[in-house]
Amino acid sequence: MNCGKSFVLCIGRDRDVPYRLELSRQWYVVAGSEGVKLNLWTSEIYNIAI
């Protein structure tokens, strides 16, 4: 995935949350319409099915 790429995370039945991948000093995702930032760590593995 590239910076600025958007995707939807399915959390259970009938619950989808839009996310956007961003990069500042480190990678993070912006969650939902509220713009909550969640940091991603290079030592972790994240799997996203698009």
N, C-alpha and C. Protein backbone atom coordinates (compact mmCIF):
# COMPACT_ATOMS: atom_id res chain seq x y z
N MET A 1 0.85 -1.18 0.00
CA MET A 1 0.00 0.00 0.00
C MET A 1 0.89 1.24 0.00
N ASN A 2 0.37 2.29 -0.57
CA ASN A 2 1.09 3.55 -0.64
C ASN A 2 0.46 4.59 0.27
N CYS A 3 1.21 5.62 0.56
CA CYS A 3 0.71 6.73 1.37
C CYS A 3 -0.53 7.33 0.71
N GLY A 4 -1.56 7.59 1.51
CA GLY A 4 -2.80 8.15 1.00
C GLY A 4 -3.81 7.11 0.56
N LYS A 5 -3.42 5.84 0.55
CA LYS A 5 -4.32 4.76 0.13
C LYS A 5 -5.43 4.58 1.16
N SER A 6 -6.66 4.48 0.70
CA SER A 6 -7.81 4.29 1.58
C SER A 6 -8.28 2.84 1.51
N PHE A 7 -8.83 2.36 2.62
CA PHE A 7 -9.39 1.02 2.68
C PHE A 7 -10.46 0.99 3.76
N VAL A 8 -11.25 -0.06 3.76
CA VAL A 8 -12.32 -0.23 4.75
C VAL A 8 -12.00 -1.46 5.59
N LEU A 9 -12.02 -1.29 6.90
CA LEU A 9 -11.78 -2.39 7.82
C LEU A 9 -13.13 -2.89 8.32
N CYS A 10 -13.41 -4.17 8.13
CA CYS A 10 -14.66 -4.76 8.59
C CYS A 10 -14.47 -5.27 10.01
N ILE A 11 -15.27 -4.74 10.92
CA ILE A 11 -15.20 -5.13 12.32
C ILE A 11 -16.53 -5.79 12.67
N GLY A 12 -16.59 -7.08 12.53
CA GLY A 12 -17.83 -7.79 12.81
C GLY A 12 -18.86 -7.59 11.72
N ARG A 13 -20.05 -8.03 11.99
CA ARG A 13 -21.14 -7.92 11.02
C ARG A 13 -21.68 -6.50 10.99
N ASP A 14 -21.88 -6.00 9.80
CA ASP A 14 -22.50 -4.69 9.58
C ASP A 14 -21.74 -3.54 10.22
N ARG A 15 -20.44 -3.68 10.45
CA ARG A 15 -19.66 -2.59 11.03
C ARG A 15 -18.38 -2.42 10.22
N ASP A 16 -18.34 -1.39 9.39
CA ASP A 16 -17.18 -1.08 8.55
C ASP A 16 -16.63 0.28 8.96
N VAL A 17 -15.32 0.39 9.03
CA VAL A 17 -14.68 1.65 9.38
C VAL A 17 -13.71 2.04 8.27
N PRO A 18 -13.87 3.22 7.67
CA PRO A 18 -12.92 3.65 6.64
C PRO A 18 -11.60 4.10 7.27
N TYR A 19 -10.50 3.76 6.61
CA TYR A 19 -9.16 4.12 7.06
C TYR A 19 -8.39 4.73 5.90
N ARG A 20 -7.36 5.49 6.22
CA ARG A 20 -6.44 6.04 5.22
C ARG A 20 -5.02 5.92 5.76
N LEU A 21 -4.12 5.39 4.95
CA LEU A 21 -2.72 5.21 5.33
C LEU A 21 -1.95 6.50 5.10
N GLU A 22 -1.19 6.95 6.11
CA GLU A 22 -0.42 8.19 6.01
C GLU A 22 0.98 8.00 6.57
N LEU A 23 1.87 8.92 6.22
CA LEU A 23 3.25 8.88 6.70
C LEU A 23 3.66 10.28 7.13
N SER A 24 4.17 10.38 8.34
CA SER A 24 4.75 11.62 8.83
C SER A 24 6.17 11.25 9.27
N ARG A 25 6.43 11.19 10.54
CA ARG A 25 7.70 10.64 11.02
C ARG A 25 7.66 9.13 11.08
N GLN A 26 6.45 8.59 11.14
CA GLN A 26 6.23 7.15 11.10
C GLN A 26 4.91 6.90 10.40
N TRP A 27 4.68 5.64 10.02
CA TRP A 27 3.43 5.28 9.37
C TRP A 27 2.30 5.28 10.39
N TYR A 28 1.12 5.69 9.96
CA TYR A 28 -0.08 5.64 10.79
C TYR A 28 -1.29 5.55 9.88
N VAL A 29 -2.42 5.18 10.47
CA VAL A 29 -3.68 5.20 9.74
C VAL A 29 -4.60 6.21 10.40
N VAL A 30 -5.44 6.83 9.58
CA VAL A 30 -6.46 7.75 10.06
C VAL A 30 -7.78 7.00 9.99
N ALA A 31 -8.44 6.85 11.14
CA ALA A 31 -9.63 6.01 11.23
C ALA A 31 -10.90 6.84 11.24
N GLY A 32 -11.87 6.40 10.43
CA GLY A 32 -13.21 6.97 10.45
C GLY A 32 -13.30 8.45 10.14
N SER A 33 -14.50 8.96 10.23
CA SER A 33 -14.74 10.38 9.94
C SER A 33 -14.22 11.29 11.04
N GLU A 34 -13.92 10.71 12.22
CA GLU A 34 -13.39 11.49 13.33
C GLU A 34 -11.91 11.80 13.16
N GLY A 35 -11.22 11.09 12.28
CA GLY A 35 -9.81 11.32 12.02
C GLY A 35 -8.88 10.85 13.12
N VAL A 36 -9.24 9.78 13.80
CA VAL A 36 -8.41 9.22 14.88
C VAL A 36 -7.14 8.62 14.27
N LYS A 37 -5.97 9.00 14.78
CA LYS A 37 -4.70 8.50 14.27
C LYS A 37 -4.24 7.29 15.09
N LEU A 38 -3.91 6.21 14.38
CA LEU A 38 -3.40 4.99 15.00
C LEU A 38 -2.02 4.71 14.42
N ASN A 39 -1.00 4.72 15.27
CA ASN A 39 0.37 4.49 14.82
C ASN A 39 0.59 3.05 14.41
N LEU A 40 1.39 2.86 13.37
CA LEU A 40 1.82 1.54 12.92
C LEU A 40 3.31 1.42 13.20
N TRP A 41 3.75 0.26 13.61
CA TRP A 41 5.14 0.05 13.98
C TRP A 41 5.82 -0.86 12.98
N THR A 42 7.06 -0.53 12.62
CA THR A 42 7.77 -1.32 11.62
C THR A 42 8.10 -2.72 12.10
N SER A 43 8.13 -2.94 13.41
CA SER A 43 8.44 -4.27 13.94
C SER A 43 7.22 -5.19 13.97
N GLU A 44 6.06 -4.68 13.58
CA GLU A 44 4.81 -5.46 13.56
C GLU A 44 4.41 -5.80 12.14
N ILE A 45 3.61 -6.84 11.99
CA ILE A 45 3.07 -7.21 10.69
C ILE A 45 1.57 -6.94 10.70
N TYR A 46 1.10 -6.19 9.71
CA TYR A 46 -0.32 -5.86 9.58
C TYR A 46 -0.83 -6.44 8.28
N ASN A 47 -1.89 -7.22 8.34
CA ASN A 47 -2.50 -7.80 7.14
C ASN A 47 -3.81 -7.09 6.86
N ILE A 48 -3.94 -6.58 5.64
CA ILE A 48 -5.16 -5.89 5.23
C ILE A 48 -5.62 -6.51 3.92
N ALA A 49 -6.82 -7.03 3.91
CA ALA A 49 -7.39 -7.62 2.70
C ALA A 49 -8.21 -6.55 1.99
N ILE A 50 -7.86 -6.26 0.76
CA ILE A 50 -8.57 -5.22 0.00
C ILE A 50 -9.49 -5.88 -1.00
